[in-house]
Amino acid sequence: MTLTSLQQALAQFAVERDWEQFHTPKNLAMALAGESGELLEIFQWLTPQQSAQVMQSNARALQVREEMADVLAYLLRLADVLDVDLEQALTDKIEKNRGKYPVHLARGKADKYTQLGG
């Protein structure tokens, strides 16, 4: 499936339930933040090593997949409602970040672009 077909499926799901009335940009952004928090909660108290192995537990892996799906669903709905082409937006952002994080300054560093110097 493509992002567009997923958006169409989610829009149809909302239409069938008469939920478009609730899918305002504000509500969708809040739901997206809430679902992101639920994903974050899975990792909250894990060590870096434990977090890297989170998918080795079937129960935990299911939780991660479901929360990631919820995050994606709300992001796709928000993009649909606001008529944002996510593929183009991400392509544009990658190009912008290429300028902010040139390889010769950023390679192997986690510094914000304003701290890279150069």
C-alpha atoms as a PDB file:
ATOM      1  CA  MET A   1       0.000   0.000   0.000  1.00  0.00           C
ATOM      2  CA  THR A   2       1.058   3.576  -0.607  1.00  0.00           C
ATOM      3  CA  LEU A   3       0.696   6.495   1.783  1.00  0.00           C
ATOM      4  CA  THR A   4      -2.136   7.768  -0.415  1.00  0.00           C
ATOM      5  CA  SER A   5      -4.018   4.457  -0.314  1.00  0.00           C
ATOM      6  CA  LEU A   6      -3.567   4.294   3.458  1.00  0.00           C
ATOM      7  CA  GLN A   7      -4.932   7.833   3.762  1.00  0.00           C
ATOM      8  CA  GLN A   8      -7.910   6.861   1.624  1.00  0.00           C
ATOM      9  CA  ALA A   9      -8.553   3.790   3.767  1.00  0.00           C
ATOM     10  CA  LEU A  10      -8.416   5.869   6.943  1.00  0.00           C
ATOM     11  CA  ALA A  11     -10.684   8.534   5.454  1.00  0.00           C
ATOM     12  CA  GLN A  12     -13.205   5.866   4.465  1.00  0.00           C
ATOM     13  CA  PHE A  13     -13.006   4.366   7.951  1.00  0.00           C
ATOM     14  CA  ALA A  14     -13.817   7.798   9.399  1.00  0.00           C
ATOM     15  CA  VAL A  15     -16.647   8.430   6.915  1.00  0.00           C
ATOM     16  CA  GLU A  16     -18.289   5.089   7.704  1.00  0.00           C
ATOM     17  CA  ARG A  17     -18.403   6.037  11.383  1.00  0.00           C
ATOM     18  CA  ASP A  18     -19.292   9.730  10.858  1.00  0.00           C
ATOM     19  CA  TRP A  19     -16.037  10.688  12.573  1.00  0.00           C
ATOM     20  CA  GLU A  20     -14.923  13.404  10.139  1.00  0.00           C
ATOM     21  CA  GLN A  21     -16.653  15.899  12.428  1.00  0.00           C
ATOM     22  CA  PHE A  22     -14.097  15.030  15.116  1.00  0.00           C
ATOM     23  CA  HIS A  23     -11.082  14.921  12.818  1.00  0.00           C
ATOM     24  CA  THR A  24     -10.159  18.579  13.072  1.00  0.00           C
ATOM     25  CA  PRO A  25      -6.486  19.498  12.814  1.00  0.00           C
ATOM     26  CA  LYS A  26      -6.421  20.297  16.550  1.00  0.00           C
ATOM     27  CA  ASN A  27      -7.992  16.987  17.564  1.00  0.00           C
ATOM     28  CA  LEU A  28      -5.815  14.966  15.213  1.00  0.00           C
ATOM     29  CA  ALA A  29      -2.638  16.712  16.404  1.00  0.00           C
ATOM     30  CA  MET A  30      -3.633  16.046  20.012  1.00  0.00           C
ATOM     31  CA  ALA A  31      -4.400  12.390  19.248  1.00  0.00           C
ATOM     32  CA  LEU A  32      -1.044  12.094  17.473  1.00  0.00           C
ATOM     33  CA  ALA A  33       0.731  13.475  20.536  1.00  0.00           C
ATOM     34  CA  GLY A  34      -1.186  11.101  22.789  1.00  0.00           C
ATOM     35  CA  GLU A  35      -0.306   8.059  20.719  1.00  0.00           C
ATOM     36  CA  SER A  36       3.329   9.181  20.538  1.00  0.00           C
ATOM     37  CA  GLY A  37       3.262   9.312  24.327  1.00  0.00           C
ATOM     38  CA  GLU A  38       1.921   5.767  24.475  1.00  0.00           C
ATOM     39  CA  LEU A  39       4.795   4.622  22.257  1.00  0.00           C
ATOM     40  CA  LEU A  40       7.253   6.526  24.413  1.00  0.00           C
ATOM     41  CA  GLU A  41       5.835   4.926  27.542  1.00  0.00           C
ATOM     42  CA  ILE A  42       6.959   1.497  26.309  1.00  0.00           C
ATOM     43  CA  PHE A  43      10.575   2.701  26.287  1.00  0.00           C
ATOM     44  CA  GLN A  44      10.417   5.065  29.258  1.00  0.00           C
ATOM     45  CA  TRP A  45      12.348   3.075  31.854  1.00  0.00           C
ATOM     46  CA  LEU A  46      14.347   0.792  29.595  1.00  0.00           C
ATOM     47  CA  THR A  47      18.107   1.007  29.343  1.00  0.00           C
ATOM     48  CA  PRO A  48      19.523   1.692  25.880  1.00  0.00           C
ATOM     49  CA  GLN A  49      20.378  -2.004  25.614  1.00  0.00           C
ATOM     50  CA  GLN A  50      16.870  -3.087  26.636  1.00  0.00           C
ATOM     51  CA  SER A  51      15.321  -0.664  24.158  1.00  0.00           C
ATOM     52  CA  ALA A  52      17.435  -2.118  21.351  1.00  0.00           C
ATOM     53  CA  GLN A  53      16.047  -5.569  22.166  1.00  0.00           C
ATOM     54  CA  VAL A  54      12.406  -4.565  22.676  1.00  0.00           C
ATOM     55  CA  MET A  55      11.197  -6.477  19.619  1.00  0.00           C
ATOM     56  CA  GLN A  56      12.535  -9.779  20.954  1.00  0.00           C
ATOM     57  CA  SER A  57       9.533 -10.112  23.263  1.00  0.00           C
ATOM     58  CA  ASN A  58       6.406 -11.044  21.306  1.00  0.00           C
ATOM     59  CA  ALA A  59       4.093  -9.182  23.675  1.00  0.00           C
ATOM     60  CA  ARG A  60       6.236  -6.058  23.718  1.00  0.00           C
ATOM     61  CA  ALA A  61       6.772  -6.206  19.959  1.00  0.00           C
ATOM     62  CA  LEU A  62       2.999  -6.276  19.457  1.00  0.00           C
ATOM     63  CA  GLN A  63       2.632  -3.205  21.689  1.00  0.00           C
ATOM     64  CA  VAL A  64       5.326  -1.348  19.754  1.00  0.00           C
ATOM     65  CA  ARG A  65       3.795  -2.206  16.376  1.00  0.00           C
ATOM     66  CA  GLU A  66       0.304  -1.187  17.477  1.00  0.00           C
ATOM     67  CA  GLU A  67       1.439   2.142  18.940  1.00  0.00           C
ATOM     68  CA  MET A  68       3.527   2.882  15.857  1.00  0.00           C
ATOM     69  CA  ALA A  69       0.501   2.102  13.702  1.00  0.00           C
ATOM     70  CA  ASP A  70      -1.613   4.493  15.789  1.00  0.00           C
ATOM     71  CA  VAL A  71       0.998   7.241  15.391  1.00  0.00           C
ATOM     72  CA  LEU A  72       1.126   6.689  11.647  1.00  0.00           C
ATOM     73  CA  ALA A  73      -2.666   6.587  11.358  1.00  0.00           C
ATOM     74  CA  TYR A  74      -3.103   9.938  13.075  1.00  0.00           C
ATOM     75  CA  LEU A  75      -0.241  11.492  11.120  1.00  0.00           C
ATOM     76  CA  LEU A  76      -1.781  10.301   7.864  1.00  0.00           C
ATOM     77  CA  ARG A  77      -5.234  11.579   8.855  1.00  0.00           C
ATOM     78  CA  LEU A  78      -3.781  14.953   9.841  1.00  0.00           C
ATOM     79  CA  ALA A  79      -1.909  15.200   6.547  1.00  0.00           C
ATOM     80  CA  ASP A  80      -5.078  14.289   4.661  1.00  0.00           C
ATOM     81  CA  VAL A  81      -7.205  16.853   6.499  1.00  0.00           C
ATOM     82  CA  LEU A  82      -4.581  19.580   5.991  1.00  0.00           C
ATOM     83  CA  ASP A  83      -3.857  18.485   2.397  1.00  0.00           C
ATOM     84  CA  VAL A  84      -0.161  17.944   3.092  1.00  0.00           C
ATOM     85  CA  ASP A  85       1.767  15.702   0.711  1.00  0.00           C
ATOM     86  CA  LEU A  86       3.862  13.844   3.272  1.00  0.00           C
ATOM     87  CA  GLU A  87       6.185  12.313   0.697  1.00  0.00           C
ATOM     88  CA  GLN A  88       7.038  15.753  -0.678  1.00  0.00           C
ATOM     89  CA  ALA A  89       7.231  17.291   2.787  1.00  0.00           C
ATOM     90  CA  LEU A  90       9.713  14.632   3.895  1.00  0.00           C
ATOM     91  CA  THR A  91      11.741  14.921   0.690  1.00  0.00           C
ATOM     92  CA  ASP A  92      11.935  18.690   1.218  1.00  0.00           C
ATOM     93  CA  LYS A  93      12.924  18.238   4.870  1.00  0.00           C
ATOM     94  CA  ILE A  94      15.693  15.769   3.997  1.00  0.00           C
ATOM     95  CA  GLU A  95      17.133  18.272   1.535  1.00  0.00           C
ATOM     96  CA  LYS A  96      16.901  21.069   4.096  1.00  0.00           C
ATOM     97  CA  ASN A  97      18.667  18.886   6.674  1.00  0.00           C
ATOM     98  CA  ARG A  98      21.442  18.105   4.174  1.00  0.00           C
ATOM     99  CA  GLY A  99      22.279  21.800   4.298  1.00  0.00           C
ATOM    100  CA  LYS A 100      21.983  22.030   8.077  1.00  0.00           C
ATOM    101  CA  TYR A 101      24.011  18.874   8.706  1.00  0.00           C
ATOM    102  CA  PRO A 102      26.792  18.639   6.117  1.00  0.00           C
ATOM    103  CA  VAL A 103      28.551  15.288   6.283  1.00  0.00           C
ATOM    104  CA  HIS A 104      31.969  16.801   6.942  1.00  0.00           C
ATOM    105  CA  LEU A 105      30.652  18.540  10.077  1.00  0.00           C
ATOM    106  CA  ALA A 106      27.978  16.161  11.330  1.00  0.00           C
ATOM    107  CA  ARG A 107      29.378  12.691  10.721  1.00  0.00           C
ATOM    108  CA  GLY A 108      29.368  10.707  13.977  1.00  0.00           C
ATOM    109  CA  LYS A 109      27.990  13.601  16.024  1.00  0.00           C
ATOM    110  CA  ALA A 110      24.607  14.062  17.671  1.00  0.00           C
ATOM    111  CA  ASP A 111      25.018  17.832  17.990  1.00  0.00           C
ATOM    112  CA  LYS A 112      22.307  20.194  16.836  1.00  0.00           C
ATOM    113  CA  TYR A 113      23.208  22.022  13.622  1.00  0.00           C
ATOM    114  CA  THR A 114      23.691  25.274  15.532  1.00  0.00           C
ATOM    115  CA  GLN A 115      26.507  23.603  17.501  1.00  0.00           C
ATOM    116  CA  LEU A 116      28.419  22.089  14.593  1.00  0.00           C
ATOM    117  CA  GLY A 117      30.467  25.158  13.716  1.00  0.00           C
ATOM    118  CA  GLY A 118      31.961  25.356  10.300  1.00  0.00           C
END
